[in-house]
């Protein structure tokens, strides 16, 4: 089939319109909670806390993407903020999976690294991944606050975290697109706050 014809245009338009409608529904249901999580992150960082991110597959990519925004920058020049994706160390991940089981690869890192005052972000479209459920449990044990970005009603993870941001969709791709957008919104609020209190801050890119 030749690309660029009417069918392709309609498919692209319909997909973007569907994403727009989902974003509108998410804005109606989650805006206040998103701002609350952003305020929580600001308080954590101001108090010396750190941010951790985890997820599987496309959600792992989102976790790494967002951790980088905090460490490097998002929109404003400011100090680097302490954030780490628990999805990036191949030695830790493979050793953990081999020796303890894949369901333990994030929980083990949480117990090693996270402390009271830190924030753990868990990205999941199903809310049912065993390694994320155990990571949330480990975070609770060490006193870290948990925030889950979810869809499909939230699954079991919804009830095991301190803050659940559940996007109203059952479509994995749409959920991941909105999860990244929500992560960017939180980062934007934190970024601006950090830049405002930083002698080097103040310049948007």
N, C-alpha and C. Protein backbone atom coordinates (compact mmCIF):
# COMPACT_ATOMS: atom_id res chain seq x y z
N UNK A 1 0.84 -1.20 0.00
CA UNK A 1 0.00 0.00 0.00
C UNK A 1 0.88 1.25 0.00
N UNK A 2 0.55 2.18 -0.84
CA UNK A 2 1.32 3.40 -0.92
C UNK A 2 1.07 4.28 0.30
N UNK A 3 2.16 4.70 0.96
CA UNK A 3 2.03 5.53 2.15
C UNK A 3 1.61 6.94 1.78
N UNK A 4 0.95 7.61 2.72
CA UNK A 4 0.60 9.01 2.54
C UNK A 4 -0.76 9.23 1.91
N UNK A 5 -1.53 8.18 1.68
CA UNK A 5 -2.85 8.31 1.09
C UNK A 5 -3.89 8.68 2.12
N UNK A 6 -5.15 8.77 1.69
CA UNK A 6 -6.25 9.18 2.58
C UNK A 6 -6.39 8.30 3.81
N UNK A 7 -6.16 6.97 3.67
CA UNK A 7 -6.30 6.09 4.82
C UNK A 7 -5.28 6.43 5.90
N UNK A 8 -4.02 6.68 5.49
CA UNK A 8 -2.99 7.03 6.46
C UNK A 8 -3.32 8.34 7.16
N UNK A 9 -3.79 9.31 6.43
CA UNK A 9 -4.13 10.61 7.01
C UNK A 9 -5.26 10.48 8.01
N UNK A 10 -6.28 9.68 7.65
CA UNK A 10 -7.41 9.50 8.56
C UNK A 10 -6.97 8.77 9.82
N UNK A 11 -6.12 7.76 9.66
CA UNK A 11 -5.64 7.01 10.82
C UNK A 11 -4.84 7.90 11.75
N UNK A 12 -3.95 8.71 11.19
CA UNK A 12 -3.14 9.62 12.00
C UNK A 12 -4.04 10.64 12.70
N UNK A 13 -4.96 11.22 11.97
CA UNK A 13 -5.85 12.22 12.55
C UNK A 13 -6.70 11.62 13.67
N UNK A 14 -7.27 10.44 13.40
CA UNK A 14 -8.10 9.79 14.41
C UNK A 14 -7.30 9.46 15.66
N UNK A 15 -6.06 8.99 15.45
CA UNK A 15 -5.22 8.66 16.60
C UNK A 15 -4.88 9.87 17.44
N UNK A 16 -4.55 10.97 16.78
CA UNK A 16 -4.21 12.19 17.52
C UNK A 16 -5.43 12.77 18.22
N UNK A 17 -6.58 12.70 17.58
CA UNK A 17 -7.80 13.20 18.22
C UNK A 17 -8.17 12.35 19.43
N UNK A 18 -7.97 11.04 19.31
CA UNK A 18 -8.24 10.16 20.44
C UNK A 18 -7.31 10.49 21.61
N UNK A 19 -6.04 10.74 21.30
CA UNK A 19 -5.09 11.12 22.34
C UNK A 19 -5.49 12.44 22.98
N UNK A 20 -5.96 13.38 22.16
CA UNK A 20 -6.39 14.67 22.68
C UNK A 20 -7.58 14.52 23.63
N UNK A 21 -8.53 13.67 23.25
CA UNK A 21 -9.69 13.46 24.12
C UNK A 21 -9.28 12.80 25.43
N UNK A 22 -8.35 11.86 25.36
CA UNK A 22 -7.87 11.22 26.58
C UNK A 22 -7.14 12.22 27.47
N UNK A 23 -6.34 13.09 26.86
CA UNK A 23 -5.64 14.12 27.64
C UNK A 23 -6.64 15.04 28.33
N UNK A 24 -7.74 15.37 27.64
CA UNK A 24 -8.77 16.23 28.24
C UNK A 24 -9.42 15.54 29.43
N UNK A 25 -9.74 14.24 29.29
CA UNK A 25 -10.34 13.51 30.41
C UNK A 25 -9.36 13.41 31.58
N UNK A 26 -8.09 13.20 31.26
CA UNK A 26 -7.08 13.12 32.30
C UNK A 26 -6.94 14.45 33.03
N UNK A 27 -7.00 15.55 32.28
CA UNK A 27 -6.94 16.87 32.90
C UNK A 27 -8.09 17.08 33.87
N UNK A 28 -9.27 16.61 33.50
CA UNK A 28 -10.45 16.79 34.35
C UNK A 28 -10.33 15.99 35.65
N UNK A 29 -9.72 14.82 35.59
CA UNK A 29 -9.71 13.93 36.75
C UNK A 29 -8.45 13.97 37.58
N UNK A 30 -7.32 14.37 36.99
CA UNK A 30 -6.04 14.21 37.69
C UNK A 30 -5.25 15.49 37.92
N UNK A 31 -5.69 16.62 37.39
CA UNK A 31 -4.87 17.84 37.49
C UNK A 31 -4.48 18.18 38.92
N UNK A 32 -5.45 18.12 39.82
CA UNK A 32 -5.17 18.48 41.20
C UNK A 32 -4.19 17.50 41.84
N UNK A 33 -4.36 16.22 41.54
CA UNK A 33 -3.45 15.21 42.10
C UNK A 33 -2.04 15.37 41.53
N UNK A 34 -1.94 15.70 40.25
CA UNK A 34 -0.62 15.91 39.63
C UNK A 34 0.10 17.06 40.31
N UNK A 35 -0.62 18.15 40.54
CA UNK A 35 0.00 19.29 41.22
C UNK A 35 0.40 18.93 42.64
N UNK A 36 -0.40 18.08 43.30
CA UNK A 36 -0.06 17.64 44.64
C UNK A 36 1.21 16.80 44.67
N UNK A 37 1.36 15.93 43.68
CA UNK A 37 2.58 15.13 43.59
C UNK A 37 3.79 16.02 43.31
N UNK A 38 3.62 17.01 42.45
CA UNK A 38 4.72 17.94 42.18
C UNK A 38 5.15 18.66 43.45
N UNK A 39 4.19 19.08 44.26
CA UNK A 39 4.52 19.74 45.52
C UNK A 39 5.25 18.78 46.46
N UNK A 40 4.82 17.52 46.46
CA UNK A 40 5.48 16.50 47.26
C UNK A 40 6.94 16.33 46.83
N UNK A 41 7.17 16.29 45.53
CA UNK A 41 8.54 16.13 45.02
C UNK A 41 9.39 17.33 45.40
N UNK A 42 8.83 18.51 45.29
CA UNK A 42 9.57 19.72 45.69
C UNK A 42 9.99 19.64 47.16
N UNK A 43 9.07 19.23 48.02
CA UNK A 43 9.39 19.12 49.45
C UNK A 43 10.46 18.07 49.69
N UNK A 44 10.36 16.95 48.98
CA UNK A 44 11.37 15.90 49.14
C UNK A 44 12.75 16.40 48.76
N UNK A 45 12.86 17.03 47.61
CA UNK A 45 14.16 17.51 47.15
C UNK A 45 14.71 18.61 48.04
N UNK A 46 13.84 19.50 48.49
CA UNK A 46 14.28 20.57 49.38
C UNK A 46 14.79 20.02 50.70
N UNK A 47 14.26 18.87 51.11
CA UNK A 47 14.68 18.25 52.36
C UNK A 47 15.82 17.27 52.21
N UNK A 48 16.43 17.22 51.03
CA UNK A 48 17.55 16.33 50.82
C UNK A 48 17.17 14.96 50.30
N UNK A 49 15.91 14.79 49.90
CA UNK A 49 15.46 13.51 49.37
C UNK A 49 15.91 13.28 47.94
N UNK A 50 15.70 12.06 47.49
CA UNK A 50 16.07 11.67 46.13
C UNK A 50 14.87 11.03 45.44
N UNK A 51 14.91 11.01 44.11
CA UNK A 51 13.83 10.43 43.31
C UNK A 51 14.33 9.16 42.65
N UNK A 52 13.47 8.13 42.67
CA UNK A 52 13.77 6.88 42.00
C UNK A 52 12.62 6.55 41.06
N UNK A 53 12.96 5.91 39.93
CA UNK A 53 11.96 5.58 38.91
C UNK A 53 12.14 4.13 38.48
N UNK A 54 11.02 3.44 38.23
CA UNK A 54 11.12 2.08 37.70
C UNK A 54 9.89 1.73 36.88
N UNK A 55 10.04 0.74 36.02
CA UNK A 55 8.97 0.28 35.15
C UNK A 55 9.53 -0.78 34.22
N UNK A 56 8.66 -1.40 33.45
CA UNK A 56 9.05 -2.47 32.53
C UNK A 56 8.76 -2.07 31.09
N UNK A 57 9.63 -2.47 30.17
CA UNK A 57 9.38 -2.22 28.76
C UNK A 57 9.33 -0.74 28.43
N UNK A 58 8.25 -0.31 27.78
CA UNK A 58 8.09 1.11 27.46
C UNK A 58 8.06 1.97 28.71
N UNK A 59 7.54 1.43 29.80
CA UNK A 59 7.53 2.17 31.06
C UNK A 59 8.94 2.33 31.63
N UNK A 60 9.83 1.37 31.34
CA UNK A 60 11.23 1.53 31.73
C UNK A 60 11.86 2.69 30.98
N UNK A 61 11.50 2.81 29.70
CA UNK A 61 12.02 3.93 28.91
C UNK A 61 11.53 5.26 29.48
N UNK A 62 10.27 5.32 29.88
CA UNK A 62 9.75 6.53 30.52
C UNK A 62 10.50 6.83 31.81
N UNK A 63 10.77 5.80 32.60
CA UNK A 63 11.49 5.99 33.86
C UNK A 63 12.86 6.61 33.61
N UNK A 64 13.59 6.09 32.63
CA UNK A 64 14.91 6.61 32.31
C UNK A 64 14.83 8.03 31.76
N UNK A 65 13.87 8.27 30.91
CA UNK A 65 13.66 9.59 30.33
C UNK A 65 13.48 10.63 31.42
N UNK A 66 12.60 10.33 32.36
CA UNK A 66 12.27 11.33 33.38
C UNK A 66 13.40 11.52 34.38
N UNK A 67 14.09 10.45 34.74
CA UNK A 67 15.23 10.61 35.64
C UNK A 67 16.27 11.55 35.02
N UNK A 68 16.48 11.42 33.71
CA UNK A 68 17.44 12.29 33.03
C UNK A 68 17.02 13.76 33.08
N UNK A 69 15.72 14.02 32.99
CA UNK A 69 15.25 15.41 33.03
C UNK A 69 15.63 16.08 34.36
N UNK A 70 15.57 15.32 35.44
CA UNK A 70 15.90 15.90 36.75
C UNK A 70 17.41 16.08 36.92
N UNK A 71 18.17 15.09 36.51
CA UNK A 71 19.61 15.17 36.70
C UNK A 71 20.23 16.27 35.82
N UNK A 72 19.78 16.35 34.58
CA UNK A 72 20.37 17.32 33.64
C UNK A 72 19.60 18.64 33.71
N UNK A 73 18.46 18.68 33.06
CA UNK A 73 17.59 19.86 33.12
C UNK A 73 16.35 19.54 32.31
N UNK A 74 15.31 20.32 32.55
CA UNK A 74 14.10 20.19 31.75
C UNK A 74 13.93 21.45 30.92
N UNK A 75 13.49 22.55 31.55
CA UNK A 75 13.34 23.82 30.84
C UNK A 75 14.22 24.93 31.38
N UNK A 76 14.62 24.81 32.63
CA UNK A 76 15.29 25.92 33.30
C UNK A 76 16.69 25.52 33.75
N UNK A 77 17.62 26.46 33.69
CA UNK A 77 18.94 26.25 34.26
C UNK A 77 18.80 26.22 35.78
N UNK A 78 19.27 25.18 36.38
CA UNK A 78 19.25 25.06 37.85
C UNK A 78 20.22 23.95 38.24
N UNK A 79 20.40 23.76 39.53
CA UNK A 79 21.30 22.71 40.01
C UNK A 79 20.79 21.34 39.57
N UNK A 80 21.66 20.36 39.44
CA UNK A 80 21.21 19.01 39.14
C UNK A 80 20.43 18.45 40.32
N UNK A 81 19.37 17.73 40.03
CA UNK A 81 18.52 17.17 41.07
C UNK A 81 18.74 15.66 41.13
N UNK A 82 18.80 15.08 42.33
CA UNK A 82 19.15 13.67 42.48
C UNK A 82 18.01 12.74 42.06
N UNK A 83 18.18 12.05 40.95
CA UNK A 83 17.18 11.13 40.43
C UNK A 83 17.88 9.95 39.77
N UNK A 84 17.30 8.77 39.92
CA UNK A 84 17.92 7.57 39.39
C UNK A 84 16.85 6.61 38.88
N UNK A 85 17.03 6.13 37.66
CA UNK A 85 16.17 5.07 37.12
C UNK A 85 16.75 3.73 37.54
N UNK A 86 15.93 2.89 38.13
CA UNK A 86 16.38 1.58 38.61
C UNK A 86 16.37 0.53 37.50
N UNK A 87 16.35 1.00 36.27
CA UNK A 87 16.23 0.12 35.10
C UNK A 87 17.51 0.09 34.25
N UNK A 88 18.56 0.74 34.70
CA UNK A 88 19.68 1.03 33.80
C UNK A 88 20.94 0.22 34.06
N UNK A 89 21.11 -0.34 35.24
CA UNK A 89 22.36 -1.04 35.57
C UNK A 89 22.21 -2.51 35.19
N UNK A 90 22.77 -2.90 34.07
CA UNK A 90 22.58 -4.26 33.57
C UNK A 90 23.18 -5.30 34.50
N UNK A 91 24.26 -4.96 35.20
CA UNK A 91 24.87 -5.93 36.12
C UNK A 91 23.96 -6.20 37.31
N UNK A 92 23.41 -5.12 37.89
CA UNK A 92 22.49 -5.28 39.02
C UNK A 92 21.23 -6.02 38.58
N UNK A 93 20.68 -5.64 37.43
CA UNK A 93 19.44 -6.26 36.96
C UNK A 93 19.62 -7.74 36.67
N UNK A 94 20.70 -8.08 35.99
CA UNK A 94 20.89 -9.49 35.63
C UNK A 94 21.30 -10.33 36.84
N UNK A 95 22.10 -9.77 37.73
CA UNK A 95 22.46 -10.51 38.95
C UNK A 95 21.22 -10.73 39.81
N UNK A 96 20.42 -9.69 39.95
CA UNK A 96 19.20 -9.82 40.75
C UNK A 96 18.24 -10.83 40.15
N UNK A 97 18.06 -10.76 38.85
CA UNK A 97 17.15 -11.69 38.18
C UNK A 97 17.66 -13.12 38.29
N UNK A 98 18.96 -13.30 38.13
CA UNK A 98 19.55 -14.64 38.17
C UNK A 98 19.53 -15.23 39.57
N UNK A 99 19.89 -14.42 40.56
CA UNK A 99 20.07 -14.93 41.92
C UNK A 99 18.79 -14.89 42.75
N UNK A 100 17.94 -13.90 42.51
CA UNK A 100 16.77 -13.69 43.36
C UNK A 100 15.45 -13.85 42.63
N UNK A 101 15.47 -13.74 41.31
CA UNK A 101 14.24 -13.76 40.52
C UNK A 101 13.91 -12.37 40.02
N UNK A 102 13.35 -12.29 38.80
CA UNK A 102 13.10 -11.00 38.18
C UNK A 102 12.13 -10.14 38.99
N UNK A 103 11.27 -10.78 39.76
CA UNK A 103 10.31 -10.01 40.56
C UNK A 103 11.00 -9.18 41.64
N UNK A 104 12.28 -9.47 41.93
CA UNK A 104 13.01 -8.77 42.99
C UNK A 104 13.95 -7.69 42.48
N UNK A 105 14.05 -7.47 41.17
CA UNK A 105 15.11 -6.60 40.65
C UNK A 105 14.97 -5.15 41.09
N UNK A 106 13.75 -4.67 41.30
CA UNK A 106 13.58 -3.30 41.76
C UNK A 106 13.54 -3.22 43.28
N UNK A 107 12.88 -4.15 43.92
CA UNK A 107 12.78 -4.13 45.38
C UNK A 107 14.16 -4.17 46.03
N UNK A 108 15.05 -4.99 45.45
CA UNK A 108 16.40 -5.10 46.00
C UNK A 108 17.11 -3.75 45.96
N UNK A 109 16.97 -3.04 44.86
CA UNK A 109 17.61 -1.73 44.73
C UNK A 109 16.97 -0.70 45.66
N UNK A 110 15.66 -0.77 45.81
CA UNK A 110 14.97 0.15 46.71
C UNK A 110 15.49 -0.03 48.13
N UNK A 111 15.63 -1.28 48.56
CA UNK A 111 16.13 -1.52 49.92
C UNK A 111 17.57 -1.05 50.08
N UNK A 112 18.34 -1.14 49.03
CA UNK A 112 19.74 -0.73 49.10
C UNK A 112 19.91 0.79 49.09
N UNK A 113 19.05 1.49 48.35
CA UNK A 113 19.31 2.90 48.04
C UNK A 113 18.32 3.88 48.66
N UNK A 114 17.06 3.51 48.77
CA UNK A 114 16.03 4.47 49.17
C UNK A 114 15.93 4.58 50.69
N UNK A 115 15.55 5.76 51.12
CA UNK A 115 15.41 6.05 52.55
C UNK A 115 14.16 6.92 52.77
N UNK A 116 13.84 7.13 54.02
CA UNK A 116 12.72 8.00 54.36
C UNK A 116 12.96 9.39 53.77
N UNK A 117 11.94 9.95 53.18
CA UNK A 117 12.06 11.25 52.54
C UNK A 117 12.26 11.18 51.04
N UNK A 118 12.64 10.00 50.52
CA UNK A 118 12.78 9.80 49.08
C UNK A 118 11.42 9.52 48.46
N UNK A 119 11.36 9.61 47.13
CA UNK A 119 10.13 9.33 46.40
C UNK A 119 10.43 8.30 45.31
N UNK A 120 9.63 7.25 45.27
CA UNK A 120 9.74 6.23 44.24
C UNK A 120 8.57 6.34 43.28
N UNK A 121 8.87 6.55 41.98
CA UNK A 121 7.84 6.56 40.94
C UNK A 121 7.80 5.18 40.28
N UNK A 122 6.60 4.61 40.22
CA UNK A 122 6.41 3.31 39.59
C UNK A 122 5.52 3.48 38.37
N UNK A 123 6.06 3.13 37.20
CA UNK A 123 5.32 3.29 35.95
C UNK A 123 4.76 1.93 35.52
N UNK A 124 3.45 1.83 35.37
CA UNK A 124 2.85 0.56 34.97
C UNK A 124 1.51 0.81 34.31
N UNK A 125 1.27 0.17 33.17
CA UNK A 125 -0.04 0.31 32.53
C UNK A 125 -1.05 -0.67 33.11
N UNK A 126 -0.58 -1.75 33.70
CA UNK A 126 -1.50 -2.76 34.24
C UNK A 126 -1.67 -2.67 35.75
N UNK A 127 -0.63 -2.22 36.45
CA UNK A 127 -0.68 -2.23 37.90
C UNK A 127 -0.55 -3.62 38.49
N UNK A 128 -0.08 -4.58 37.70
CA UNK A 128 -0.03 -5.97 38.14
C UNK A 128 1.36 -6.59 38.06
N UNK A 129 2.36 -5.84 37.66
CA UNK A 129 3.70 -6.41 37.51
C UNK A 129 4.28 -6.79 38.88
N UNK A 130 4.66 -8.05 39.08
CA UNK A 130 5.16 -8.47 40.39
C UNK A 130 6.36 -7.66 40.87
N UNK A 131 7.27 -7.29 39.96
CA UNK A 131 8.45 -6.56 40.42
C UNK A 131 8.11 -5.15 40.89
N UNK A 132 7.04 -4.57 40.38
CA UNK A 132 6.61 -3.25 40.85
C UNK A 132 5.83 -3.36 42.16
N UNK A 133 5.03 -4.39 42.29
CA UNK A 133 4.31 -4.60 43.55
C UNK A 133 5.29 -4.79 44.70
N UNK A 134 6.35 -5.55 44.47
CA UNK A 134 7.35 -5.77 45.52
C UNK A 134 8.19 -4.52 45.75
N UNK A 135 8.43 -3.73 44.71
CA UNK A 135 9.17 -2.47 44.89
C UNK A 135 8.38 -1.51 45.77
N UNK A 136 7.07 -1.45 45.56
CA UNK A 136 6.23 -0.58 46.40
C UNK A 136 6.27 -1.03 47.85
N UNK A 137 6.25 -2.34 48.06
CA UNK A 137 6.33 -2.87 49.42
C UNK A 137 7.67 -2.52 50.06
N UNK A 138 8.74 -2.67 49.30
CA UNK A 138 10.07 -2.34 49.83
C UNK A 138 10.18 -0.87 50.18
N UNK A 139 9.60 -0.01 49.33
CA UNK A 139 9.63 1.44 49.60
C UNK A 139 8.91 1.75 50.91
N UNK A 140 7.80 1.10 51.12
CA UNK A 140 7.07 1.31 52.37
C UNK A 140 7.90 0.88 53.58
N UNK A 141 8.62 -0.21 53.43
CA UNK A 141 9.45 -0.71 54.53
C UNK A 141 10.55 0.28 54.91
N UNK A 142 11.12 0.96 53.92
CA UNK A 142 12.21 1.89 54.22
C UNK A 142 11.72 3.32 54.46
N UNK A 143 10.42 3.55 54.32
CA UNK A 143 9.87 4.87 54.61
C UNK A 143 9.82 5.83 53.45
N UNK A 144 10.08 5.35 52.22
CA UNK A 144 9.99 6.22 51.05
C UNK A 144 8.54 6.37 50.62
N UNK A 145 8.22 7.49 50.02
CA UNK A 145 6.88 7.74 49.48
C UNK A 145 6.78 7.15 48.08
N UNK A 146 5.62 6.60 47.77
CA UNK A 146 5.44 5.95 46.46
C UNK A 146 4.38 6.67 45.64
N UNK A 147 4.70 6.84 44.35
CA UNK A 147 3.77 7.43 43.38
C UNK A 147 3.70 6.48 42.19
N UNK A 148 2.50 6.05 41.82
CA UNK A 148 2.34 5.15 40.68
C UNK A 148 1.60 5.86 39.55
N UNK A 149 2.13 5.72 38.35
CA UNK A 149 1.45 6.17 37.14
C UNK A 149 0.86 4.93 36.48
N UNK A 150 -0.48 4.89 36.41
CA UNK A 150 -1.20 3.66 36.08
C UNK A 150 -2.24 3.88 35.00
N UNK A 151 -2.87 2.79 34.59
CA UNK A 151 -4.01 2.80 33.68
C UNK A 151 -4.83 1.55 33.98
N UNK A 152 -5.83 1.26 33.14
CA UNK A 152 -6.65 0.05 33.30
C UNK A 152 -7.22 -0.10 34.71
N UNK A 153 -7.60 1.01 35.31
CA UNK A 153 -8.16 0.96 36.65
C UNK A 153 -7.14 0.92 37.77
N UNK A 154 -5.88 0.71 37.44
CA UNK A 154 -4.82 0.77 38.45
C UNK A 154 -4.32 -0.56 38.96
N UNK A 155 -5.09 -1.63 38.80
CA UNK A 155 -4.65 -2.94 39.27
C UNK A 155 -4.38 -2.95 40.77
N UNK A 156 -3.66 -3.98 41.20
CA UNK A 156 -3.36 -4.10 42.63
C UNK A 156 -2.40 -3.02 43.12
N UNK A 157 -1.58 -2.49 42.21
CA UNK A 157 -0.60 -1.48 42.62
C UNK A 157 -1.28 -0.22 43.14
N UNK A 158 -2.46 0.07 42.62
CA UNK A 158 -3.18 1.28 43.03
C UNK A 158 -3.36 1.33 44.55
N UNK A 159 -3.64 0.20 45.16
CA UNK A 159 -3.89 0.16 46.60
C UNK A 159 -2.63 0.03 47.43
N UNK A 160 -1.49 -0.09 46.78
CA UNK A 160 -0.25 -0.33 47.52
C UNK A 160 0.71 0.86 47.48
N UNK A 161 0.25 1.98 46.95
CA UNK A 161 1.10 3.17 46.88
C UNK A 161 0.44 4.33 47.61
N UNK A 162 1.24 5.35 47.89
CA UNK A 162 0.71 6.52 48.58
C UNK A 162 -0.10 7.41 47.66
N UNK A 163 0.31 7.50 46.40
CA UNK A 163 -0.37 8.35 45.42
C UNK A 163 -0.49 7.60 44.10
N UNK A 164 -1.70 7.43 43.60
CA UNK A 164 -1.94 6.72 42.34
C UNK A 164 -2.53 7.69 41.32
N UNK A 165 -1.84 7.85 40.19
CA UNK A 165 -2.32 8.67 39.09
C UNK A 165 -2.76 7.72 37.98
N UNK A 166 -4.06 7.48 37.90
CA UNK A 166 -4.60 6.46 37.01
C UNK A 166 -5.19 7.12 35.77
N UNK A 167 -4.56 6.94 34.63
CA UNK A 167 -5.05 7.47 33.37
C UNK A 167 -6.26 6.64 32.92
N UNK A 168 -7.36 7.28 32.52
CA UNK A 168 -8.58 6.56 32.18
C UNK A 168 -8.57 5.92 30.79
N UNK A 169 -7.74 4.88 30.63
CA UNK A 169 -7.67 4.16 29.36
C UNK A 169 -7.23 2.73 29.61
N UNK A 170 -7.59 1.83 28.69
CA UNK A 170 -7.12 0.46 28.71
C UNK A 170 -6.09 0.20 27.61
N UNK A 171 -5.73 1.24 26.86
CA UNK A 171 -4.81 1.10 25.74
C UNK A 171 -3.39 1.40 26.22
N UNK A 172 -2.51 0.42 26.11
CA UNK A 172 -1.15 0.56 26.64
C UNK A 172 -0.41 1.76 26.06
N UNK A 173 -0.43 1.91 24.75
CA UNK A 173 0.31 3.01 24.12
C UNK A 173 -0.20 4.37 24.58
N UNK A 174 -1.53 4.53 24.64
CA UNK A 174 -2.08 5.81 25.07
C UNK A 174 -1.72 6.09 26.53
N UNK A 175 -1.75 5.04 27.35
CA UNK A 175 -1.39 5.22 28.76
C UNK A 175 0.06 5.69 28.90
N UNK A 176 0.97 5.07 28.17
CA UNK A 176 2.38 5.45 28.27
C UNK A 176 2.61 6.87 27.77
N UNK A 177 1.88 7.25 26.73
CA UNK A 177 2.00 8.63 26.22
C UNK A 177 1.55 9.64 27.27
N UNK A 178 0.46 9.34 27.97
CA UNK A 178 -0.03 10.26 29.00
C UNK A 178 0.86 10.20 30.24
N UNK A 179 1.39 9.03 30.57
CA UNK A 179 2.31 8.93 31.71
C UNK A 179 3.52 9.84 31.50
N UNK A 180 4.06 9.83 30.29
CA UNK A 180 5.21 10.69 30.03
C UNK A 180 4.81 12.16 30.11
N UNK A 181 3.63 12.50 29.60
CA UNK A 181 3.16 13.88 29.68
C UNK A 181 2.99 14.30 31.14
N UNK A 182 2.41 13.43 31.95
CA UNK A 182 2.25 13.74 33.38
C UNK A 182 3.62 13.90 34.04
N UNK A 183 4.54 13.00 33.71
CA UNK A 183 5.88 13.13 34.27
C UNK A 183 6.54 14.44 33.89
N UNK A 184 6.33 14.88 32.66
CA UNK A 184 6.87 16.17 32.22
C UNK A 184 6.22 17.33 32.97
N UNK A 185 4.93 17.25 33.22
CA UNK A 185 4.25 18.32 33.95
C UNK A 185 4.79 18.43 35.37
N UNK A 186 4.97 17.29 36.03
CA UNK A 186 5.53 17.31 37.38
C UNK A 186 6.94 17.90 37.34
N UNK A 187 7.72 17.44 36.37
CA UNK A 187 9.09 17.94 36.24
C UNK A 187 9.12 19.44 35.96
N UNK A 188 8.19 19.92 35.15
CA UNK A 188 8.13 21.35 34.84
C UNK A 188 7.91 22.18 36.10
N UNK A 189 6.99 21.73 36.95
CA UNK A 189 6.71 22.46 38.19
C UNK A 189 7.93 22.43 39.11
N UNK A 190 8.54 21.25 39.25
CA UNK A 190 9.72 21.12 40.10
C UNK A 190 10.88 21.92 39.53
N UNK A 191 11.04 21.87 38.22
CA UNK A 191 12.12 22.57 37.54
C UNK A 191 12.05 24.07 37.81
N UNK A 192 10.88 24.61 37.66
CA UNK A 192 10.69 26.06 37.86
C UNK A 192 10.96 26.44 39.32
N UNK A 193 10.49 25.58 40.24
CA UNK A 193 10.72 25.85 41.66
C UNK A 193 12.20 25.81 41.99
N UNK A 194 12.91 24.79 41.47
CA UNK A 194 14.34 24.67 41.74
C UNK A 194 15.12 25.82 41.12
N UNK A 195 14.73 26.24 39.92
CA UNK A 195 15.42 27.34 39.26
C UNK A 195 15.22 28.65 40.00
N UNK A 196 14.02 28.82 40.55
CA UNK A 196 13.72 30.06 41.27
C UNK A 196 14.52 30.23 42.53
N UNK A 197 14.94 29.10 43.12
CA UNK A 197 15.73 29.19 44.35
C UNK A 197 17.20 28.97 44.15
N UNK A 198 17.62 29.00 42.89
CA UNK A 198 19.01 28.69 42.55
C UNK A 198 19.70 29.94 41.99
N UNK A 199 20.85 30.24 42.50
CA UNK A 199 21.59 31.41 42.02
C UNK A 199 21.92 31.30 40.53
N UNK A 200 22.02 30.04 40.03
CA UNK A 200 22.37 29.84 38.63
C UNK A 200 21.14 29.69 37.75
N UNK A 201 19.96 29.68 38.37
CA UNK A 201 18.74 29.40 37.61
C UNK A 201 18.17 30.62 36.93
N UNK A 202 17.05 30.36 36.23
CA UNK A 202 16.31 31.47 35.67
C UNK A 202 16.25 31.53 34.19
N UNK A 203 17.04 30.73 33.46
CA UNK A 203 17.04 30.79 32.01
C UNK A 203 16.34 29.55 31.42
N UNK A 204 15.29 29.79 30.69
CA UNK A 204 14.58 28.68 30.04
C UNK A 204 15.26 28.34 28.72
N UNK A 205 15.18 27.05 28.36
CA UNK A 205 15.75 26.68 27.07
C UNK A 205 14.67 26.54 26.04
